[in-house]
Amino acid sequence: FDWITITGNDAAPFSGKVYSMDVDKDLHYVADGLVTHNCWYAVKGQAHWSGDRKQVTVWNIASKGQDAETIHGTQKPVECMKRPMENNSSPGQAVYEPFSGSGTTIMAAELTGRCCYAMELNPAYVDVAIARWENFTGQKAMREMPHV
């Protein structure tokens, strides 16, 4: 999933952030204002849809009440990754996150019983993701030595 910021604006902005899975247009509207982010979604090969077929492509997800203060510049609410994870995988399956950032996908995997294989190049954001996971689970993260 690749969340991108919509650059065009011809309406008054919404007071909070609204996230969208719709990729057909650059601008998407909801009753209260402008949708501020898009997510490009693609499946290689055959998709394994597990979600409700009645879902809409514009998701209204509140950013207030997140599990952690926003420390990362583009931190998303956990629900932004939880929904697509539940739609396209089953508990116990692995998900891959090559750009972990603040750990939103890690948190969604924890909530939904998935195993998240996450990577992040910036050590400061690795620390943010670890602290976020520890605060959520009440557990202490441990670095495992690689298998030789």
Protein backbone atom coordinates (compact mmCIF):
# COMPACT_ATOMS: atom_id res chain seq x y z
CA PHE A 1 0.00 0.00 0.00
CA ASP A 2 1.36 3.40 -0.86
CA TRP A 3 -0.30 6.40 0.79
CA ILE A 4 0.17 9.60 -1.19
CA THR A 5 -0.84 13.18 -0.50
CA ILE A 6 -3.32 14.75 -2.90
CA THR A 7 -1.81 17.99 -4.17
CA GLY A 8 -4.86 19.55 -5.87
CA ASN A 9 -7.46 21.36 -3.81
CA ASP A 10 -10.58 23.16 -4.91
CA ALA A 11 -12.61 22.78 -1.71
CA ALA A 12 -12.27 23.87 1.89
CA PRO A 13 -10.15 21.32 3.77
CA PHE A 14 -11.72 18.99 6.32
CA SER A 15 -10.75 19.72 9.94
CA GLY A 16 -9.09 16.29 10.31
CA LYS A 17 -7.41 13.81 8.00
CA VAL A 18 -9.47 11.48 5.83
CA TYR A 19 -7.89 8.49 4.09
CA SER A 20 -8.99 6.90 0.81
CA MET A 21 -8.34 3.62 -1.02
CA ASP A 22 -9.72 5.02 -4.30
CA VAL A 23 -7.10 5.40 -7.03
CA ASP A 24 -9.25 6.49 -9.98
CA LYS A 25 -9.10 10.24 -9.35
CA ASP A 26 -6.81 12.82 -7.79
CA LEU A 27 -9.54 14.44 -5.72
CA HIS A 28 -12.08 12.63 -3.58
CA TYR A 29 -14.80 14.24 -1.53
CA VAL A 30 -16.68 13.28 1.60
CA ALA A 31 -19.54 15.17 3.18
CA ASP A 32 -17.32 17.27 5.45
CA GLY A 33 -14.61 18.28 2.99
CA LEU A 34 -11.59 17.11 1.07
CA VAL A 35 -10.00 13.68 1.32
CA THR A 36 -6.33 14.31 2.01
CA HIS A 37 -4.60 11.00 1.18
CA ASN A 38 -4.87 8.29 -1.46
CA CYS A 39 -3.66 4.72 -1.25
CA TRP A 40 -2.54 2.83 -4.34
CA TYR A 41 -3.48 -0.82 -3.92
CA ALA A 42 -2.42 -3.67 -6.18
CA VAL A 43 -2.18 -7.45 -6.02
CA LYS A 44 0.30 -9.49 -8.05
CA GLY A 45 -1.37 -12.59 -9.43
CA GLN A 46 -4.70 -13.71 -8.06
CA ALA A 47 -6.15 -11.75 -5.14
CA HIS A 48 -7.44 -13.50 -2.04
CA TRP A 49 -10.14 -11.11 -0.83
CA SER A 50 -11.24 -11.79 2.75
CA GLY A 51 -13.17 -8.60 3.42
CA ASP A 52 -16.76 -7.52 3.26
CA ARG A 53 -17.94 -6.93 -0.34
CA LYS A 54 -20.03 -3.93 0.77
CA GLN A 55 -17.04 -1.73 1.64
CA VAL A 56 -16.71 1.65 -0.02
CA THR A 57 -13.50 3.01 -1.53
CA VAL A 58 -13.41 6.17 0.59
CA TRP A 59 -12.71 5.42 4.24
CA ASN A 60 -13.49 8.01 6.90
CA ILE A 61 -10.94 7.22 9.61
CA ALA A 62 -10.45 9.59 12.52
CA SER A 63 -6.86 10.44 13.35
CA LYS A 64 -7.73 11.49 16.90
CA GLY A 65 -7.24 8.97 19.69
CA GLN A 66 -4.33 7.16 18.04
CA ASP A 67 -2.39 4.73 20.17
CA ALA A 68 0.62 7.05 20.24
CA GLU A 69 1.38 10.70 19.70
CA THR A 70 2.34 11.44 16.13
CA ILE A 71 6.14 11.46 16.09
CA HIS A 72 6.72 10.42 12.46
CA GLY A 73 5.91 13.07 9.86
CA THR A 74 3.48 10.81 7.97
CA GLN A 75 2.20 8.53 10.74
CA LYS A 76 -1.19 7.05 9.82
CA PRO A 77 -3.91 5.76 12.12
CA VAL A 78 -3.56 1.99 12.66
CA GLU A 79 -6.98 1.48 11.07
CA CYS A 80 -5.49 2.57 7.70
CA MET A 81 -3.44 -0.64 7.62
CA LYS A 82 -5.74 -2.85 9.69
CA ARG A 83 -8.58 -2.73 7.13
CA PRO A 84 -6.56 -3.78 4.07
CA MET A 85 -4.74 -6.38 6.17
CA GLU A 86 -8.05 -7.97 7.20
CA ASN A 87 -9.31 -7.73 3.61
CA ASN A 88 -6.34 -9.55 2.09
CA SER A 89 -4.87 -11.96 4.63
CA SER A 90 -5.85 -14.30 7.44
CA PRO A 91 -4.71 -14.47 11.08
CA GLY A 92 -1.38 -16.27 11.31
CA GLN A 93 -0.22 -15.15 7.87
CA ALA A 94 2.77 -12.89 7.32
CA VAL A 95 2.65 -9.34 5.96
CA TYR A 96 5.63 -7.45 4.54
CA GLU A 97 6.34 -3.78 5.29
CA PRO A 98 9.44 -2.45 3.50
CA PHE A 99 9.01 1.13 4.81
CA SER A 100 8.00 0.73 8.45
CA GLY A 101 8.25 4.36 9.54
CA SER A 102 6.42 4.73 12.85
CA GLY A 103 5.28 1.09 12.87
CA THR A 104 1.63 1.48 11.84
CA THR A 105 1.66 -1.82 9.92
CA ILE A 106 3.37 -3.55 12.86
CA MET A 107 0.57 -2.34 15.16
CA ALA A 108 -2.12 -3.48 12.71
CA ALA A 109 -0.49 -6.92 12.48
CA GLU A 110 -0.42 -7.16 16.28
CA LEU A 111 -4.13 -6.29 16.45
CA THR A 112 -5.14 -8.79 13.76
CA GLY A 113 -2.92 -11.75 14.64
CA ARG A 114 -0.59 -11.42 11.64
CA CYS A 115 3.21 -11.69 11.66
CA CYS A 116 4.77 -8.49 10.30
CA TYR A 117 8.18 -8.53 8.61
CA ALA A 118 9.10 -4.85 8.71
CA MET A 119 12.15 -2.87 7.62
CA GLU A 120 13.15 0.74 8.17
CA LEU A 121 16.41 2.46 7.22
CA ASN A 122 16.17 5.40 9.64
CA PRO A 123 17.32 4.30 13.13
CA ALA A 124 15.26 7.06 14.78
CA TYR A 125 12.06 5.68 13.23
CA VAL A 126 13.04 2.14 14.21
CA ASP A 127 13.16 3.42 17.79
CA VAL A 128 9.73 5.06 17.35
CA ALA A 129 8.21 1.82 16.01
CA ILE A 130 9.74 -0.25 18.82
CA ALA A 131 8.52 2.17 21.51
CA ARG A 132 5.07 2.23 19.94
CA TRP A 133 4.91 -1.59 19.91
CA GLU A 134 6.16 -1.82 23.51
CA ASN A 135 3.58 0.74 24.70
CA PHE A 136 0.80 -1.12 22.93
CA THR A 137 1.70 -4.66 24.03
CA GLY A 138 3.26 -4.00 27.43
CA GLN A 139 6.12 -6.27 26.34
CA LYS A 140 9.81 -5.50 25.98
CA ALA A 141 11.26 -5.82 22.47
CA MET A 142 14.33 -8.05 22.21
CA ARG A 143 16.84 -8.17 19.39
CA GLU A 144 17.33 -11.73 18.22
CA MET A 145 20.62 -12.81 16.78
CA PRO A 146 20.42 -13.89 13.13
CA HIS A 147 20.37 -17.61 12.46
CA VAL A 148 23.76 -18.83 11.25
